[in-house]
């Protein structure tokens, strides 16, 4: 349990330190309908998707069962799942 709490604290601190680009913030704030994120390696796609899903659930009241995220990378799936779990738990 202690490890889980430390992970939450680290995630919150990272979120406070991380500044999103204008384009990333537009994508995170998009709530009207589907969205596709296309960008090169290391551009922050997983971060954008994770923050958008979190916002949809926590601030827009969207049922998580109604959200579909598709990625073509097993690493992105694992990372996004971990980030969502630790930031909403």
N, C-alpha and C. Protein backbone atom coordinates (compact mmCIF):
# COMPACT_ATOMS: atom_id res chain seq x y z
N UNK A 1 0.82 -1.19 0.00
CA UNK A 1 0.00 0.00 0.00
C UNK A 1 0.87 1.26 0.00
N UNK A 2 1.95 1.23 0.75
CA UNK A 2 2.86 2.38 0.82
C UNK A 2 3.43 2.70 -0.56
N UNK A 3 3.79 1.67 -1.32
CA UNK A 3 4.34 1.87 -2.66
C UNK A 3 3.30 2.54 -3.55
N UNK A 4 2.05 2.13 -3.44
CA UNK A 4 0.98 2.71 -4.24
C UNK A 4 0.81 4.20 -3.91
N UNK A 5 0.88 4.55 -2.64
CA UNK A 5 0.77 5.95 -2.24
C UNK A 5 1.93 6.78 -2.76
N UNK A 6 3.13 6.22 -2.71
CA UNK A 6 4.30 6.93 -3.22
C UNK A 6 4.16 7.17 -4.72
N UNK A 7 3.62 6.18 -5.43
CA UNK A 7 3.43 6.33 -6.87
C UNK A 7 2.43 7.45 -7.18
N UNK A 8 1.37 7.54 -6.39
CA UNK A 8 0.39 8.60 -6.58
C UNK A 8 1.01 9.97 -6.36
N UNK A 9 1.82 10.09 -5.32
CA UNK A 9 2.47 11.36 -5.01
C UNK A 9 3.42 11.74 -6.15
N UNK A 10 4.19 10.79 -6.62
CA UNK A 10 5.12 11.06 -7.73
C UNK A 10 4.37 11.47 -8.99
N UNK A 11 3.26 10.81 -9.27
CA UNK A 11 2.46 11.14 -10.45
C UNK A 11 1.92 12.57 -10.34
N UNK A 12 1.42 12.94 -9.18
CA UNK A 12 0.90 14.30 -8.98
C UNK A 12 2.01 15.35 -9.14
N UNK A 13 3.18 15.05 -8.57
CA UNK A 13 4.30 15.98 -8.69
C UNK A 13 4.73 16.12 -10.15
N UNK A 14 4.76 15.01 -10.86
CA UNK A 14 5.13 15.05 -12.27
C UNK A 14 4.12 15.86 -13.07
N UNK A 15 2.85 15.68 -12.78
CA UNK A 15 1.81 16.43 -13.48
C UNK A 15 1.94 17.93 -13.22
N UNK A 16 2.31 18.30 -12.01
CA UNK A 16 2.49 19.72 -11.69
C UNK A 16 3.68 20.31 -12.42
N UNK A 17 4.73 19.52 -12.58
CA UNK A 17 5.94 20.01 -13.23
C UNK A 17 5.80 20.04 -14.75
N UNK A 18 5.00 19.14 -15.29
CA UNK A 18 4.88 19.00 -16.73
C UNK A 18 4.00 20.10 -17.31
N UNK A 19 4.54 20.79 -18.25
CA UNK A 19 3.77 21.79 -18.98
C UNK A 19 3.48 21.23 -20.36
N UNK A 20 2.25 21.35 -20.77
CA UNK A 20 1.86 20.84 -22.08
C UNK A 20 2.02 21.93 -23.12
N UNK A 21 2.32 21.50 -24.34
CA UNK A 21 2.37 22.46 -25.44
C UNK A 21 0.95 22.91 -25.75
N UNK A 22 0.84 23.94 -26.55
CA UNK A 22 -0.48 24.45 -26.94
C UNK A 22 -1.30 23.34 -27.62
N UNK A 23 -0.66 22.62 -28.52
CA UNK A 23 -1.34 21.55 -29.25
C UNK A 23 -1.77 20.42 -28.32
N UNK A 24 -0.90 20.06 -27.38
CA UNK A 24 -1.25 19.01 -26.41
C UNK A 24 -2.44 19.44 -25.56
N UNK A 25 -2.45 20.69 -25.10
CA UNK A 25 -3.54 21.16 -24.26
C UNK A 25 -4.86 21.19 -25.02
N UNK A 26 -4.81 21.55 -26.30
CA UNK A 26 -6.02 21.52 -27.12
C UNK A 26 -6.58 20.10 -27.20
N UNK A 27 -5.70 19.14 -27.40
CA UNK A 27 -6.12 17.73 -27.48
C UNK A 27 -6.69 17.25 -26.14
N UNK A 28 -6.05 17.62 -25.04
CA UNK A 28 -6.51 17.22 -23.71
C UNK A 28 -7.89 17.82 -23.42
N UNK A 29 -8.10 19.05 -23.84
CA UNK A 29 -9.34 19.75 -23.55
C UNK A 29 -10.49 19.38 -24.49
N UNK A 30 -10.20 18.68 -25.57
CA UNK A 30 -11.24 18.29 -26.53
C UNK A 30 -12.20 17.29 -25.89
N UNK A 31 -13.48 17.63 -25.83
CA UNK A 31 -14.45 16.73 -25.22
C UNK A 31 -15.63 16.41 -26.14
N UNK A 32 -15.72 17.05 -27.28
CA UNK A 32 -16.86 16.87 -28.17
C UNK A 32 -16.55 15.85 -29.26
N UNK A 33 -16.79 14.58 -28.96
CA UNK A 33 -16.63 13.54 -29.96
C UNK A 33 -15.25 12.92 -30.00
N UNK A 34 -15.06 12.04 -30.98
CA UNK A 34 -13.79 11.29 -31.09
C UNK A 34 -12.60 12.20 -31.39
N UNK A 35 -11.41 11.67 -31.12
CA UNK A 35 -10.20 12.41 -31.38
C UNK A 35 -9.09 11.43 -31.77
N UNK A 36 -8.24 11.82 -32.69
CA UNK A 36 -7.09 11.01 -33.08
C UNK A 36 -5.82 11.81 -32.77
N UNK A 37 -4.86 11.15 -32.14
CA UNK A 37 -3.59 11.79 -31.83
C UNK A 37 -2.52 11.16 -32.72
N UNK A 38 -1.93 11.95 -33.58
CA UNK A 38 -0.84 11.50 -34.45
C UNK A 38 0.38 12.36 -34.18
N UNK A 39 1.49 11.72 -33.83
CA UNK A 39 2.72 12.47 -33.57
C UNK A 39 3.89 11.49 -33.60
N UNK A 40 5.07 12.03 -33.68
CA UNK A 40 6.27 11.21 -33.72
C UNK A 40 6.65 10.67 -32.34
N UNK A 41 7.68 9.84 -32.31
CA UNK A 41 8.15 9.26 -31.04
C UNK A 41 8.56 10.33 -30.04
N UNK A 42 8.15 10.15 -28.80
CA UNK A 42 8.55 11.07 -27.74
C UNK A 42 7.81 12.39 -27.72
N UNK A 43 6.74 12.49 -28.50
CA UNK A 43 6.02 13.76 -28.60
C UNK A 43 4.99 13.95 -27.49
N UNK A 44 4.74 12.91 -26.70
CA UNK A 44 3.79 13.03 -25.60
C UNK A 44 2.40 12.50 -25.90
N UNK A 45 2.29 11.61 -26.88
CA UNK A 45 0.98 11.05 -27.24
C UNK A 45 0.32 10.34 -26.07
N UNK A 46 1.06 9.48 -25.39
CA UNK A 46 0.51 8.73 -24.26
C UNK A 46 0.09 9.67 -23.15
N UNK A 47 0.87 10.70 -22.89
CA UNK A 47 0.53 11.69 -21.87
C UNK A 47 -0.77 12.40 -22.23
N UNK A 48 -0.90 12.82 -23.48
CA UNK A 48 -2.10 13.51 -23.93
C UNK A 48 -3.33 12.61 -23.78
N UNK A 49 -3.21 11.38 -24.24
CA UNK A 49 -4.33 10.45 -24.17
C UNK A 49 -4.72 10.19 -22.71
N UNK A 50 -3.73 9.97 -21.87
CA UNK A 50 -3.99 9.70 -20.46
C UNK A 50 -4.69 10.87 -19.79
N UNK A 51 -4.19 12.08 -20.02
CA UNK A 51 -4.80 13.27 -19.41
C UNK A 51 -6.21 13.51 -19.95
N UNK A 52 -6.41 13.25 -21.24
CA UNK A 52 -7.74 13.45 -21.82
C UNK A 52 -8.74 12.46 -21.22
N UNK A 53 -8.37 11.20 -21.13
CA UNK A 53 -9.26 10.19 -20.55
C UNK A 53 -9.58 10.54 -19.10
N UNK A 54 -8.57 10.92 -18.35
CA UNK A 54 -8.78 11.31 -16.96
C UNK A 54 -9.75 12.48 -16.86
N UNK A 55 -9.59 13.48 -17.72
CA UNK A 55 -10.48 14.64 -17.71
C UNK A 55 -11.91 14.22 -18.08
N UNK A 56 -12.05 13.37 -19.09
CA UNK A 56 -13.38 12.92 -19.49
C UNK A 56 -14.10 12.23 -18.33
N UNK A 57 -13.37 11.41 -17.59
CA UNK A 57 -13.97 10.66 -16.49
C UNK A 57 -14.25 11.57 -15.29
N UNK A 58 -13.24 12.29 -14.86
CA UNK A 58 -13.35 13.06 -13.61
C UNK A 58 -14.10 14.37 -13.74
N UNK A 59 -13.94 15.08 -14.85
CA UNK A 59 -14.55 16.41 -14.96
C UNK A 59 -15.77 16.45 -15.86
N UNK A 60 -15.83 15.57 -16.84
CA UNK A 60 -16.95 15.58 -17.77
C UNK A 60 -17.99 14.52 -17.43
N UNK A 61 -17.67 13.63 -16.48
CA UNK A 61 -18.62 12.62 -16.04
C UNK A 61 -18.89 11.51 -17.03
N UNK A 62 -17.95 11.28 -17.95
CA UNK A 62 -18.11 10.22 -18.93
C UNK A 62 -17.88 8.87 -18.25
N UNK A 63 -18.75 7.92 -18.55
CA UNK A 63 -18.61 6.57 -18.03
C UNK A 63 -17.38 5.93 -18.68
N UNK A 64 -16.43 5.41 -17.90
CA UNK A 64 -15.22 4.79 -18.47
C UNK A 64 -15.53 3.68 -19.48
N UNK A 65 -16.66 3.00 -19.31
CA UNK A 65 -17.04 1.93 -20.24
C UNK A 65 -17.38 2.49 -21.62
N UNK A 66 -17.59 3.79 -21.72
CA UNK A 66 -17.93 4.43 -22.99
C UNK A 66 -16.71 5.02 -23.71
N UNK A 67 -15.52 4.80 -23.15
CA UNK A 67 -14.29 5.36 -23.73
C UNK A 67 -13.49 4.24 -24.38
N UNK A 68 -13.10 4.45 -25.62
CA UNK A 68 -12.28 3.49 -26.35
C UNK A 68 -10.96 4.17 -26.71
N UNK A 69 -9.86 3.57 -26.33
CA UNK A 69 -8.54 4.05 -26.69
C UNK A 69 -7.86 2.96 -27.50
N UNK A 70 -7.38 3.30 -28.68
CA UNK A 70 -6.70 2.35 -29.55
C UNK A 70 -5.28 2.82 -29.76
N UNK A 71 -4.34 1.92 -29.57
CA UNK A 71 -2.93 2.25 -29.82
C UNK A 71 -2.29 1.05 -30.51
N UNK A 72 -1.19 1.28 -31.18
CA UNK A 72 -0.52 0.21 -31.89
C UNK A 72 0.77 -0.21 -31.21
N UNK A 73 0.91 0.15 -29.95
CA UNK A 73 2.12 -0.17 -29.21
C UNK A 73 1.75 -0.82 -27.88
N UNK A 74 2.29 -2.00 -27.61
CA UNK A 74 2.06 -2.65 -26.33
C UNK A 74 2.61 -1.80 -25.19
N UNK A 75 3.72 -1.14 -25.42
CA UNK A 75 4.31 -0.28 -24.39
C UNK A 75 3.37 0.88 -24.05
N UNK A 76 2.74 1.47 -25.06
CA UNK A 76 1.81 2.58 -24.81
C UNK A 76 0.60 2.10 -24.02
N UNK A 77 0.12 0.91 -24.31
CA UNK A 77 -1.01 0.35 -23.57
C UNK A 77 -0.65 0.19 -22.10
N UNK A 78 0.50 -0.39 -21.84
CA UNK A 78 0.93 -0.60 -20.45
C UNK A 78 1.15 0.72 -19.73
N UNK A 79 1.80 1.65 -20.40
CA UNK A 79 2.08 2.95 -19.78
C UNK A 79 0.80 3.72 -19.51
N UNK A 80 -0.10 3.78 -20.47
CA UNK A 80 -1.36 4.51 -20.28
C UNK A 80 -2.19 3.88 -19.18
N UNK A 81 -2.27 2.56 -19.17
CA UNK A 81 -3.02 1.88 -18.12
C UNK A 81 -2.46 2.17 -16.74
N UNK A 82 -1.14 2.14 -16.63
CA UNK A 82 -0.50 2.42 -15.34
C UNK A 82 -0.77 3.86 -14.91
N UNK A 83 -0.62 4.80 -15.84
CA UNK A 83 -0.82 6.21 -15.50
C UNK A 83 -2.26 6.48 -15.09
N UNK A 84 -3.20 5.90 -15.83
CA UNK A 84 -4.61 6.10 -15.46
C UNK A 84 -4.92 5.50 -14.11
N UNK A 85 -4.41 4.30 -13.86
CA UNK A 85 -4.67 3.62 -12.58
C UNK A 85 -4.11 4.41 -11.42
N UNK A 86 -2.87 4.89 -11.56
CA UNK A 86 -2.23 5.58 -10.45
C UNK A 86 -2.77 7.00 -10.26
N UNK A 87 -3.29 7.62 -11.32
CA UNK A 87 -3.78 8.98 -11.17
C UNK A 87 -5.24 9.03 -10.71
N UNK A 88 -5.98 7.96 -10.88
CA UNK A 88 -7.40 7.97 -10.47
C UNK A 88 -7.65 7.16 -9.22
N UNK A 89 -6.67 6.37 -8.81
CA UNK A 89 -6.86 5.51 -7.62
C UNK A 89 -6.74 6.29 -6.34
